[in-house]
Amino acid sequence: MSAKIEKLFMRVFSKNNLKNFERFILFFATTGFIIHLGLILLNNNGVLNFSIGEESLLQNPISAIYTPFSFILVYEAFLLIYYLPRSFTTSVGKQYEIISLILIRKIFKDIPEVNLDDNWLVNENNIQLIYDLAGILVVFFLIFIFRKLKENLPKLSVNKNLDRFINYKRLISLILVPVLTTLCAISFIDWFNGVFSNQPFDDNLNYLFFIDFFTILILVDVFILLISFQYTERYSQLIRNTGFIISTILLRLSFSATGLSSIILLVSGIAFGLIILSIYNQMEKQVKST
């Protein structure tokens, strides 16, 4: 059974498939960018009149960058599934990268809403841009430190139990492929109906798809944690993995918050994971020295 799972995983996530998917995303990102620019041009010249929910995305050419970033984020989400079997730390690091890209994409949406004629500290949109710019700098720095700590992780020898655990995670990754594809389709339909069909659409456009995606990630992480109890009784690993789940929960909560609260939760989630990994590294060094 393990051999079949490994073979199927290698086939689905083969280098050829990943390369083709990358080309697919690049094509749609480029096409989406051109179409978005065209719609902005038509809207600003009165050829077409758009009176839809997110009007700011169809007024300033800078907003067109929002579209290719959306496709890139979907690609990163699929890469996260690919990295899932490697290690908890690698998977969480990928989550942090996705969060940083979401924040960068949000900045491109915020820039056209800036009011230069008003007092910067009075206008709500201006303040939000400051929060987001400060947030991405802090997040980028925390990810840099996280990567440095990850490089110092102790190398584990691959035994039969660890190999079986990795195959369980490969199976989860394979299950997540159709789940993520379905979630993408549902999110696109919800967005299309809300924007073009004047149906109720309450979700924040910046976090559409990723609200459900990170909820699924939390459930997957908990499931992997439960499976890991069969293969390790090491306190440091169990606490590290549990801490990473708490980190993901904080990231998920940031989607439900607004303004400064959202940035604080986002930074807190990454900082918490960073501290957990730092403590774990120190504990492992002590174990090796004894």
C-alpha atoms as a PDB file:
ATOM      1  CA  MET A   1       0.000   0.000   0.000  1.00  0.00           C
ATOM      2  CA  SER A   2       2.799   2.418   0.922  1.00  0.00           C
ATOM      3  CA  ALA A   3       4.555   1.747  -2.381  1.00  0.00           C
ATOM      4  CA  LYS A   4       1.345   2.498  -4.318  1.00  0.00           C
ATOM      5  CA  ILE A   5       0.829   5.774  -2.454  1.00  0.00           C
ATOM      6  CA  GLU A   6       4.422   6.818  -3.100  1.00  0.00           C
ATOM      7  CA  LYS A   7       4.154   5.913  -6.789  1.00  0.00           C
ATOM      8  CA  LEU A   8       0.878   7.845  -7.207  1.00  0.00           C
ATOM      9  CA  PHE A   9       2.308  10.857  -5.373  1.00  0.00           C
ATOM     10  CA  MET A  10       5.394  10.884  -7.589  1.00  0.00           C
ATOM     11  CA  ARG A  11       3.182  10.659 -10.668  1.00  0.00           C
ATOM     12  CA  VAL A  12       0.782  13.452  -9.644  1.00  0.00           C
ATOM     13  CA  PHE A  13       3.572  15.746  -8.408  1.00  0.00           C
ATOM     14  CA  SER A  14       6.097  14.841 -11.084  1.00  0.00           C
ATOM     15  CA  LYS A  15       8.496  17.516 -12.338  1.00  0.00           C
ATOM     16  CA  ASN A  16       6.705  17.491 -15.681  1.00  0.00           C
ATOM     17  CA  ASN A  17       3.279  18.086 -14.091  1.00  0.00           C
ATOM     18  CA  LEU A  18       4.626  20.842 -11.852  1.00  0.00           C
ATOM     19  CA  LYS A  19       6.276  22.506 -14.848  1.00  0.00           C
ATOM     20  CA  ASN A  20       3.066  22.308 -16.898  1.00  0.00           C
ATOM     21  CA  PHE A  21       1.034  23.707 -14.007  1.00  0.00           C
ATOM     22  CA  GLU A  22       3.550  26.541 -13.652  1.00  0.00           C
ATOM     23  CA  ARG A  23       3.141  27.382 -17.366  1.00  0.00           C
ATOM     24  CA  PHE A  24      -0.647  27.196 -16.963  1.00  0.00           C
ATOM     25  CA  ILE A  25      -0.579  29.657 -14.058  1.00  0.00           C
ATOM     26  CA  LEU A  26       1.855  31.965 -15.868  1.00  0.00           C
ATOM     27  CA  PHE A  27      -0.408  32.045 -18.929  1.00  0.00           C
ATOM     28  CA  PHE A  28      -3.543  32.862 -16.921  1.00  0.00           C
ATOM     29  CA  ALA A  29      -1.689  35.396 -14.761  1.00  0.00           C
ATOM     30  CA  THR A  30      -0.451  37.236 -17.865  1.00  0.00           C
ATOM     31  CA  THR A  31      -3.820  36.979 -19.630  1.00  0.00           C
ATOM     32  CA  GLY A  32      -5.653  38.113 -16.491  1.00  0.00           C
ATOM     33  CA  PHE A  33      -3.329  41.094 -16.134  1.00  0.00           C
ATOM     34  CA  ILE A  34      -3.941  42.188 -19.746  1.00  0.00           C
ATOM     35  CA  ILE A  35      -7.720  41.726 -19.451  1.00  0.00           C
ATOM     36  CA  HIS A  36      -7.780  43.628 -16.154  1.00  0.00           C
ATOM     37  CA  LEU A  37      -5.833  46.510 -17.713  1.00  0.00           C
ATOM     38  CA  GLY A  38      -8.239  46.502 -20.667  1.00  0.00           C
ATOM     39  CA  LEU A  39     -11.282  46.673 -18.379  1.00  0.00           C
ATOM     40  CA  ILE A  40      -9.737  49.591 -16.466  1.00  0.00           C
ATOM     41  CA  LEU A  41      -9.056  51.415 -19.748  1.00  0.00           C
ATOM     42  CA  LEU A  42     -12.622  50.847 -20.984  1.00  0.00           C
ATOM     43  CA  ASN A  43     -14.076  51.865 -17.623  1.00  0.00           C
ATOM     44  CA  ASN A  44     -12.039  55.074 -17.321  1.00  0.00           C
ATOM     45  CA  ASN A  45     -12.919  56.133 -20.885  1.00  0.00           C
ATOM     46  CA  GLY A  46     -16.628  55.518 -20.409  1.00  0.00           C
ATOM     47  CA  VAL A  47     -16.828  52.737 -23.002  1.00  0.00           C
ATOM     48  CA  LEU A  48     -18.107  50.382 -20.319  1.00  0.00           C
ATOM     49  CA  ASN A  49     -19.608  51.408 -17.008  1.00  0.00           C
ATOM     50  CA  PHE A  50     -18.866  49.083 -14.114  1.00  0.00           C
ATOM     51  CA  SER A  51     -20.834  49.648 -10.927  1.00  0.00           C
ATOM     52  CA  ILE A  52     -19.789  46.537  -9.052  1.00  0.00           C
ATOM     53  CA  GLY A  53     -18.691  45.812  -5.508  1.00  0.00           C
ATOM     54  CA  GLU A  54     -14.931  46.333  -5.830  1.00  0.00           C
ATOM     55  CA  GLU A  55     -14.969  49.448  -8.032  1.00  0.00           C
ATOM     56  CA  SER A  56     -11.477  50.495  -6.886  1.00  0.00           C
ATOM     57  CA  LEU A  57     -10.041  47.515  -8.762  1.00  0.00           C
ATOM     58  CA  LEU A  58     -11.348  48.961 -12.051  1.00  0.00           C
ATOM     59  CA  GLN A  59     -10.168  52.544 -11.757  1.00  0.00           C
ATOM     60  CA  ASN A  60      -6.398  52.616 -11.339  1.00  0.00           C
ATOM     61  CA  PRO A  61      -3.957  50.680 -13.598  1.00  0.00           C
ATOM     62  CA  ILE A  62      -1.915  49.730 -10.514  1.00  0.00           C
ATOM     63  CA  SER A  63      -4.876  47.611  -9.395  1.00  0.00           C
ATOM     64  CA  ALA A  64      -4.324  45.328 -12.399  1.00  0.00           C
ATOM     65  CA  ILE A  65      -1.347  43.806 -10.553  1.00  0.00           C
ATOM     66  CA  TYR A  66      -3.914  42.317  -8.151  1.00  0.00           C
ATOM     67  CA  THR A  67      -5.043  39.769 -10.759  1.00  0.00           C
ATOM     68  CA  PRO A  68      -1.715  38.032 -11.580  1.00  0.00           C
ATOM     69  CA  PHE A  69      -0.900  37.923  -7.865  1.00  0.00           C
ATOM     70  CA  SER A  70      -4.161  36.034  -7.316  1.00  0.00           C
ATOM     71  CA  PHE A  71      -3.071  33.317  -9.760  1.00  0.00           C
ATOM     72  CA  ILE A  72       0.402  33.185  -8.207  1.00  0.00           C
ATOM     73  CA  LEU A  73      -1.202  32.645  -4.794  1.00  0.00           C
ATOM     74  CA  VAL A  74      -3.208  29.701  -6.116  1.00  0.00           C
ATOM     75  CA  TYR A  75       0.041  28.239  -7.462  1.00  0.00           C
ATOM     76  CA  GLU A  76       1.687  28.705  -4.056  1.00  0.00           C
ATOM     77  CA  ALA A  77      -1.278  26.969  -2.396  1.00  0.00           C
ATOM     78  CA  PHE A  78      -0.772  23.925  -4.624  1.00  0.00           C
ATOM     79  CA  LEU A  79       2.963  24.002  -3.858  1.00  0.00           C
ATOM     80  CA  LEU A  80       2.095  23.917  -0.159  1.00  0.00           C
ATOM     81  CA  ILE A  81       0.270  20.635  -0.755  1.00  0.00           C
ATOM     82  CA  TYR A  82       3.355  19.344  -2.547  1.00  0.00           C
ATOM     83  CA  TYR A  83       5.621  20.319   0.373  1.00  0.00           C
ATOM     84  CA  LEU A  84       3.256  18.903   3.014  1.00  0.00           C
ATOM     85  CA  PRO A  85       4.920  15.442   3.242  1.00  0.00           C
ATOM     86  CA  ARG A  86       8.415  16.887   3.728  1.00  0.00           C
ATOM     87  CA  SER A  87       8.132  18.234   7.269  1.00  0.00           C
ATOM     88  CA  PHE A  88       5.869  20.260   9.528  1.00  0.00           C
ATOM     89  CA  THR A  89       8.423  23.086   9.494  1.00  0.00           C
ATOM     90  CA  THR A  90       8.632  23.232   5.687  1.00  0.00           C
ATOM     91  CA  SER A  91       4.837  23.260   5.407  1.00  0.00           C
ATOM     92  CA  VAL A  92       4.444  26.047   7.966  1.00  0.00           C
ATOM     93  CA  GLY A  93       7.196  28.075   6.296  1.00  0.00           C
ATOM     94  CA  LYS A  94       5.237  27.847   3.040  1.00  0.00           C
ATOM     95  CA  GLN A  95       2.123  29.080   4.849  1.00  0.00           C
ATOM     96  CA  TYR A  96       4.049  32.146   5.993  1.00  0.00           C
ATOM     97  CA  GLU A  97       5.187  32.832   2.430  1.00  0.00           C
ATOM     98  CA  ILE A  98       1.578  32.623   1.209  1.00  0.00           C
ATOM     99  CA  ILE A  99       0.489  35.053   3.925  1.00  0.00           C
ATOM    100  CA  SER A 100       3.206  37.521   2.874  1.00  0.00           C
ATOM    101  CA  LEU A 101       2.050  37.328  -0.764  1.00  0.00           C
ATOM    102  CA  ILE A 102      -1.573  37.903   0.300  1.00  0.00           C
ATOM    103  CA  LEU A 103      -0.441  41.015   2.167  1.00  0.00           C
ATOM    104  CA  ILE A 104       1.584  42.268  -0.822  1.00  0.00           C
ATOM    105  CA  ARG A 105      -1.413  41.722  -3.105  1.00  0.00           C
ATOM    106  CA  LYS A 106      -3.575  43.669  -0.654  1.00  0.00           C
ATOM    107  CA  ILE A 107      -1.130  46.592  -0.835  1.00  0.00           C
ATOM    108  CA  PHE A 108      -1.649  46.823  -4.614  1.00  0.00           C
ATOM    109  CA  LYS A 109      -5.373  47.071  -3.899  1.00  0.00           C
ATOM    110  CA  ASP A 110      -4.856  49.694  -1.172  1.00  0.00           C
ATOM    111  CA  ILE A 111      -2.586  52.042  -3.163  1.00  0.00           C
ATOM    112  CA  PRO A 112      -5.300  53.355  -5.563  1.00  0.00           C
ATOM    113  CA  GLU A 113      -7.508  54.161  -2.547  1.00  0.00           C
ATOM    114  CA  VAL A 114      -4.907  56.480  -0.993  1.00  0.00           C
ATOM    115  CA  ASN A 115      -6.035  60.103  -0.682  1.00  0.00           C
ATOM    116  CA  LEU A 116      -3.065  62.450  -1.115  1.00  0.00           C
ATOM    117  CA  ASP A 117      -5.203  65.568  -0.622  1.00  0.00           C
ATOM    118  CA  ASP A 118      -6.210  64.567   2.902  1.00  0.00           C
ATOM    119  CA  ASN A 119      -4.210  64.374   6.119  1.00  0.00           C
ATOM    120  CA  TRP A 120      -2.407  61.013   6.102  1.00  0.00           C
ATOM    121  CA  LEU A 121      -3.236  60.366   9.735  1.00  0.00           C
ATOM    122  CA  VAL A 122      -6.921  61.183   9.285  1.00  0.00           C
ATOM    123  CA  ASN A 123      -7.852  59.226   6.158  1.00  0.00           C
ATOM    124  CA  GLU A 124      -8.711  55.593   6.942  1.00  0.00           C
ATOM    125  CA  ASN A 125      -7.373  54.249   3.621  1.00  0.00           C
ATOM    126  CA  ASN A 126      -4.031  55.997   4.121  1.00  0.00           C
ATOM    127  CA  ILE A 127      -3.665  54.544   7.614  1.00  0.00           C
ATOM    128  CA  GLN A 128      -4.503  51.055   6.324  1.00  0.00           C
ATOM    129  CA  LEU A 129      -1.749  51.329   3.706  1.00  0.00           C
ATOM    130  CA  ILE A 130       0.748  52.305   6.429  1.00  0.00           C
ATOM    131  CA  TYR A 131      -0.324  49.276   8.500  1.00  0.00           C
ATOM    132  CA  ASP A 132       0.083  46.955   5.518  1.00  0.00           C
ATOM    133  CA  LEU A 133       3.477  48.366   4.483  1.00  0.00           C
ATOM    134  CA  ALA A 134       4.804  48.077   8.041  1.00  0.00           C
ATOM    135  CA  GLY A 135       3.265  44.619   8.313  1.00  0.00           C
ATOM    136  CA  ILE A 136       4.949  43.221   5.191  1.00  0.00           C
ATOM    137  CA  LEU A 137       8.362  44.494   6.351  1.00  0.00           C
ATOM    138  CA  VAL A 138       7.976  42.765   9.723  1.00  0.00           C
ATOM    139  CA  VAL A 139       6.583  39.588   8.129  1.00  0.00           C
ATOM    140  CA  PHE A 140       9.395  39.448   5.560  1.00  0.00           C
ATOM    141  CA  PHE A 141      11.997  39.811   8.318  1.00  0.00           C
ATOM    142  CA  LEU A 142      10.346  37.106  10.461  1.00  0.00           C
ATOM    143  CA  ILE A 143      10.266  34.711   7.491  1.00  0.00           C
ATOM    144  CA  PHE A 144      13.979  35.390   6.928  1.00  0.00           C
ATOM    145  CA  ILE A 145      14.767  34.443  10.550  1.00  0.00           C
ATOM    146  CA  PHE A 146      12.461  31.408  10.329  1.00  0.00           C
ATOM    147  CA  ARG A 147      14.390  30.147   7.301  1.00  0.00           C
ATOM    148  CA  LYS A 148      17.717  30.621   9.094  1.00  0.00           C
ATOM    149  CA  LEU A 149      16.428  28.611  12.062  1.00  0.00           C
ATOM    150  CA  LYS A 150      15.079  25.939   9.725  1.00  0.00           C
ATOM    151  CA  GLU A 151      18.568  25.455   8.275  1.00  0.00           C
ATOM    152  CA  ASN A 152      19.804  24.564  11.769  1.00  0.00           C
ATOM    153  CA  LEU A 153      17.238  21.817  12.295  1.00  0.00           C
ATOM    154  CA  PRO A 154      18.773  18.464  13.274  1.00  0.00           C
ATOM    155  CA  LYS A 155      18.794  15.889  10.487  1.00  0.00           C
ATOM    156  CA  LEU A 156      16.654  12.850  11.266  1.00  0.00           C
ATOM    157  CA  SER A 157      17.605   9.413  10.022  1.00  0.00           C
ATOM    158  CA  VAL A 158      14.965   7.839   7.773  1.00  0.00           C
ATOM    159  CA  ASN A 159      13.675   4.674   9.415  1.00  0.00           C
ATOM    160  CA  LYS A 160      10.730   2.467   8.606  1.00  0.00           C
ATOM    161  CA  ASN A 161       8.356   4.335  10.933  1.00  0.00           C
ATOM    162  CA  LEU A 162       9.313   7.751   9.547  1.00  0.00           C
ATOM    163  CA  ASP A 163       8.916   6.485   5.987  1.00  0.00           C
ATOM    164  CA  ARG A 164       5.425   5.219   6.818  1.00  0.00           C
ATOM    165  CA  PHE A 165       4.537   8.569   8.400  1.00  0.00           C
ATOM    166  CA  ILE A 166       5.696  10.393   5.243  1.00  0.00           C
ATOM    167  CA  ASN A 167       3.476   8.133   3.124  1.00  0.00           C
ATOM    168  CA  TYR A 168       0.486   9.031   5.304  1.00  0.00           C
ATOM    169  CA  LYS A 169       1.208  12.691   4.581  1.00  0.00           C
ATOM    170  CA  ARG A 170       1.559  11.923   0.873  1.00  0.00           C
ATOM    171  CA  LEU A 171      -1.896  10.370   0.956  1.00  0.00           C
ATOM    172  CA  ILE A 172      -3.263  13.520   2.608  1.00  0.00           C
ATOM    173  CA  SER A 173      -1.605  15.638  -0.106  1.00  0.00           C
ATOM    174  CA  LEU A 174      -3.241  13.537  -2.828  1.00  0.00           C
ATOM    175  CA  ILE A 175      -6.651  13.947  -1.164  1.00  0.00           C
ATOM    176  CA  LEU A 176      -6.117  17.707  -0.905  1.00  0.00           C
ATOM    177  CA  VAL A 177      -5.575  18.117  -4.664  1.00  0.00           C
ATOM    178  CA  PRO A 178      -9.270  17.609  -5.650  1.00  0.00           C
ATOM    179  CA  VAL A 179     -10.361  19.408  -2.465  1.00  0.00           C
ATOM    180  CA  LEU A 180      -8.294  22.478  -3.352  1.00  0.00           C
ATOM    181  CA  THR A 181      -9.424  22.357  -6.993  1.00  0.00           C
ATOM    182  CA  THR A 182     -13.073  22.257  -5.893  1.00  0.00           C
ATOM    183  CA  LEU A 183     -12.479  25.086  -3.431  1.00  0.00           C
ATOM    184  CA  CYS A 184     -10.942  27.206  -6.212  1.00  0.00           C
ATOM    185  CA  ALA A 185     -13.977  26.599  -8.435  1.00  0.00           C
ATOM    186  CA  ILE A 186     -16.477  27.402  -5.649  1.00  0.00           C
ATOM    187  CA  SER A 187     -14.603  30.579  -4.678  1.00  0.00           C
ATOM    188  CA  PHE A 188     -14.520  31.754  -8.308  1.00  0.00           C
ATOM    189  CA  ILE A 189     -18.266  31.094  -8.735  1.00  0.00           C
ATOM    190  CA  ASP A 190     -19.042  32.950  -5.482  1.00  0.00           C
ATOM    191  CA  TRP A 191     -16.894  35.889  -6.580  1.00  0.00           C
ATOM    192  CA  PHE A 192     -18.422  35.964 -10.085  1.00  0.00           C
ATOM    193  CA  ASN A 193     -21.998  35.831  -8.751  1.00  0.00           C
ATOM    194  CA  GLY A 194     -21.281  38.479  -6.134  1.00  0.00           C
ATOM    195  CA  VAL A 195     -19.570  40.867  -8.540  1.00  0.00           C
ATOM    196  CA  PHE A 196     -21.460  40.438 -11.808  1.00  0.00           C
ATOM    197  CA  SER A 197     -24.847  39.054 -10.740  1.00  0.00           C
ATOM    198  CA  ASN A 198     -25.480  41.493  -7.867  1.00  0.00           C
ATOM    199  CA  GLN A 199     -25.939  38.617  -5.438  1.00  0.00           C
ATOM    200  CA  PRO A 200     -24.964  38.963  -1.749  1.00  0.00           C
ATOM    201  CA  PHE A 201     -21.198  38.848  -1.339  1.00  0.00           C
ATOM    202  CA  ASP A 202     -19.941  39.481   2.181  1.00  0.00           C
ATOM    203  CA  ASP A 203     -16.471  37.920   2.067  1.00  0.00           C
ATOM    204  CA  ASN A 204     -13.419  40.157   2.001  1.00  0.00           C
ATOM    205  CA  LEU A 205     -12.050  39.918  -1.537  1.00  0.00           C
ATOM    206  CA  ASN A 206      -8.467  39.919  -0.229  1.00  0.00           C
ATOM    207  CA  TYR A 207      -9.049  36.686   1.689  1.00  0.00           C
ATOM    208  CA  LEU A 208     -11.514  34.943  -0.629  1.00  0.00           C
ATOM    209  CA  PHE A 209     -10.572  31.253  -0.987  1.00  0.00           C
ATOM    210  CA  PHE A 210      -7.840  31.526   1.665  1.00  0.00           C
ATOM    211  CA  ILE A 211     -10.317  31.731   4.558  1.00  0.00           C
ATOM    212  CA  ASP A 212     -11.535  28.226   3.731  1.00  0.00           C
ATOM    213  CA  PHE A 213      -8.072  27.084   2.652  1.00  0.00           C
ATOM    214  CA  PHE A 214      -6.465  27.915   5.993  1.00  0.00           C
ATOM    215  CA  THR A 215      -9.405  26.358   7.844  1.00  0.00           C
ATOM    216  CA  ILE A 216      -8.711  23.128   5.940  1.00  0.00           C
ATOM    217  CA  LEU A 217      -4.989  23.470   6.734  1.00  0.00           C
ATOM    218  CA  ILE A 218      -5.753  23.666  10.459  1.00  0.00           C
ATOM    219  CA  LEU A 219      -7.790  20.449  10.274  1.00  0.00           C
ATOM    220  CA  VAL A 220      -5.059  18.754   8.211  1.00  0.00           C
ATOM    221  CA  ASP A 221      -2.355  19.850  10.673  1.00  0.00           C
ATOM    222  CA  VAL A 222      -4.361  18.473  13.601  1.00  0.00           C
ATOM    223  CA  PHE A 223      -4.856  15.191  11.739  1.00  0.00           C
ATOM    224  CA  ILE A 224      -1.117  14.939  10.992  1.00  0.00           C
ATOM    225  CA  LEU A 225      -0.366  15.732  14.645  1.00  0.00           C
ATOM    226  CA  LEU A 226      -2.610  12.862  15.767  1.00  0.00           C
ATOM    227  CA  ILE A 227      -0.909  10.484  13.325  1.00  0.00           C
ATOM    228  CA  SER A 228       2.522  11.612  14.551  1.00  0.00           C
ATOM    229  CA  PHE A 229       1.704  10.334  18.056  1.00  0.00           C
ATOM    230  CA  GLN A 230       2.110   6.815  16.646  1.00  0.00           C
ATOM    231  CA  TYR A 231       5.678   7.483  15.522  1.00  0.00           C
ATOM    232  CA  THR A 232       7.205   9.765  18.132  1.00  0.00           C
ATOM    233  CA  GLU A 233       6.904  10.367  21.852  1.00  0.00           C
ATOM    234  CA  ARG A 234       9.474  13.155  21.918  1.00  0.00           C
ATOM    235  CA  TYR A 235       8.104  16.065  23.909  1.00  0.00           C
ATOM    236  CA  SER A 236       9.957  18.696  21.867  1.00  0.00           C
ATOM    237  CA  GLN A 237       8.500  17.516  18.540  1.00  0.00           C
ATOM    238  CA  LEU A 238       4.951  17.273  19.869  1.00  0.00           C
ATOM    239  CA  ILE A 239       5.111  20.769  21.368  1.00  0.00           C
ATOM    240  CA  ARG A 240       6.673  22.156  18.176  1.00  0.00           C
ATOM    241  CA  ASN A 241       3.944  20.669  15.976  1.00  0.00           C
ATOM    242  CA  THR A 242       1.192  21.824  18.349  1.00  0.00           C
ATOM    243  CA  GLY A 243       2.733  25.309  18.395  1.00  0.00           C
ATOM    244  CA  PHE A 244       2.710  25.415  14.601  1.00  0.00           C
ATOM    245  CA  ILE A 245      -1.016  24.599  14.628  1.00  0.00           C
ATOM    246  CA  ILE A 246      -1.617  27.513  17.017  1.00  0.00           C
ATOM    247  CA  SER A 247       0.405  29.691  14.627  1.00  0.00           C
ATOM    248  CA  THR A 248      -1.840  28.661  11.707  1.00  0.00           C
ATOM    249  CA  ILE A 249      -4.955  29.384  13.791  1.00  0.00           C
ATOM    250  CA  LEU A 250      -3.684  32.919  14.491  1.00  0.00           C
ATOM    251  CA  LEU A 251      -3.091  33.420  10.756  1.00  0.00           C
ATOM    252  CA  ARG A 252      -6.642  32.236  10.070  1.00  0.00           C
ATOM    253  CA  LEU A 253      -8.032  34.630  12.700  1.00  0.00           C
ATOM    254  CA  SER A 254      -6.260  37.540  10.988  1.00  0.00           C
ATOM    255  CA  PHE A 255      -8.581  37.054   7.994  1.00  0.00           C
ATOM    256  CA  SER A 256     -11.605  37.797  10.175  1.00  0.00           C
ATOM    257  CA  ALA A 257     -10.102  40.968  11.664  1.00  0.00           C
ATOM    258  CA  THR A 258      -9.655  44.364  10.025  1.00  0.00           C
ATOM    259  CA  GLY A 259      -7.189  47.222  10.180  1.00  0.00           C
ATOM    260  CA  LEU A 260      -4.399  47.060  12.735  1.00  0.00           C
ATOM    261  CA  SER A 261      -5.958  44.044  14.497  1.00  0.00           C
ATOM    262  CA  SER A 262      -5.525  41.953  11.340  1.00  0.00           C
ATOM    263  CA  ILE A 263      -1.834  42.885  11.020  1.00  0.00           C
ATOM    264  CA  ILE A 264      -1.190  42.231  14.730  1.00  0.00           C
ATOM    265  CA  LEU A 265      -2.752  38.758  14.529  1.00  0.00           C
ATOM    266  CA  LEU A 266      -0.832  37.994  11.341  1.00  0.00           C
ATOM    267  CA  VAL A 267       2.531  39.077  12.773  1.00  0.00           C
ATOM    268  CA  SER A 268       1.755  37.348  16.089  1.00  0.00           C
ATOM    269  CA  GLY A 269       1.047  34.077  14.271  1.00  0.00           C
ATOM    270  CA  ILE A 270       4.398  34.090  12.461  1.00  0.00           C
ATOM    271  CA  ALA A 271       6.299  35.333  15.540  1.00  0.00           C
ATOM    272  CA  PHE A 272       4.745  32.547  17.633  1.00  0.00           C
ATOM    273  CA  GLY A 273       5.856  29.907  15.131  1.00  0.00           C
ATOM    274  CA  LEU A 274       9.325  31.470  15.022  1.00  0.00           C
ATOM    275  CA  ILE A 275       9.691  31.364  18.820  1.00  0.00           C
ATOM    276  CA  ILE A 276       8.432  27.765  18.929  1.00  0.00           C
ATOM    277  CA  LEU A 277      11.022  26.713  16.320  1.00  0.00           C
ATOM    278  CA  SER A 278      13.800  28.580  18.164  1.00  0.00           C
ATOM    279  CA  ILE A 279      12.992  26.834  21.464  1.00  0.00           C
ATOM    280  CA  TYR A 280      12.745  23.478  19.675  1.00  0.00           C
ATOM    281  CA  ASN A 281      16.220  23.938  18.160  1.00  0.00           C
ATOM    282  CA  GLN A 282      17.687  24.723  21.579  1.00  0.00           C
ATOM    283  CA  MET A 283      16.039  21.661  23.140  1.00  0.00           C
ATOM    284  CA  GLU A 284      17.362  19.412  20.369  1.00  0.00           C
ATOM    285  CA  LYS A 285      20.889  20.785  20.854  1.00  0.00           C
ATOM    286  CA  GLN A 286      20.701  19.958  24.560  1.00  0.00           C
ATOM    287  CA  VAL A 287      19.516  16.423  23.799  1.00  0.00           C
ATOM    288  CA  LYS A 288      22.443  15.889  21.398  1.00  0.00           C
ATOM    289  CA  SER A 289      24.983  17.213  23.889  1.00  0.00           C
ATOM    290  CA  THR A 290      23.832  14.863  26.669  1.00  0.00           C
END
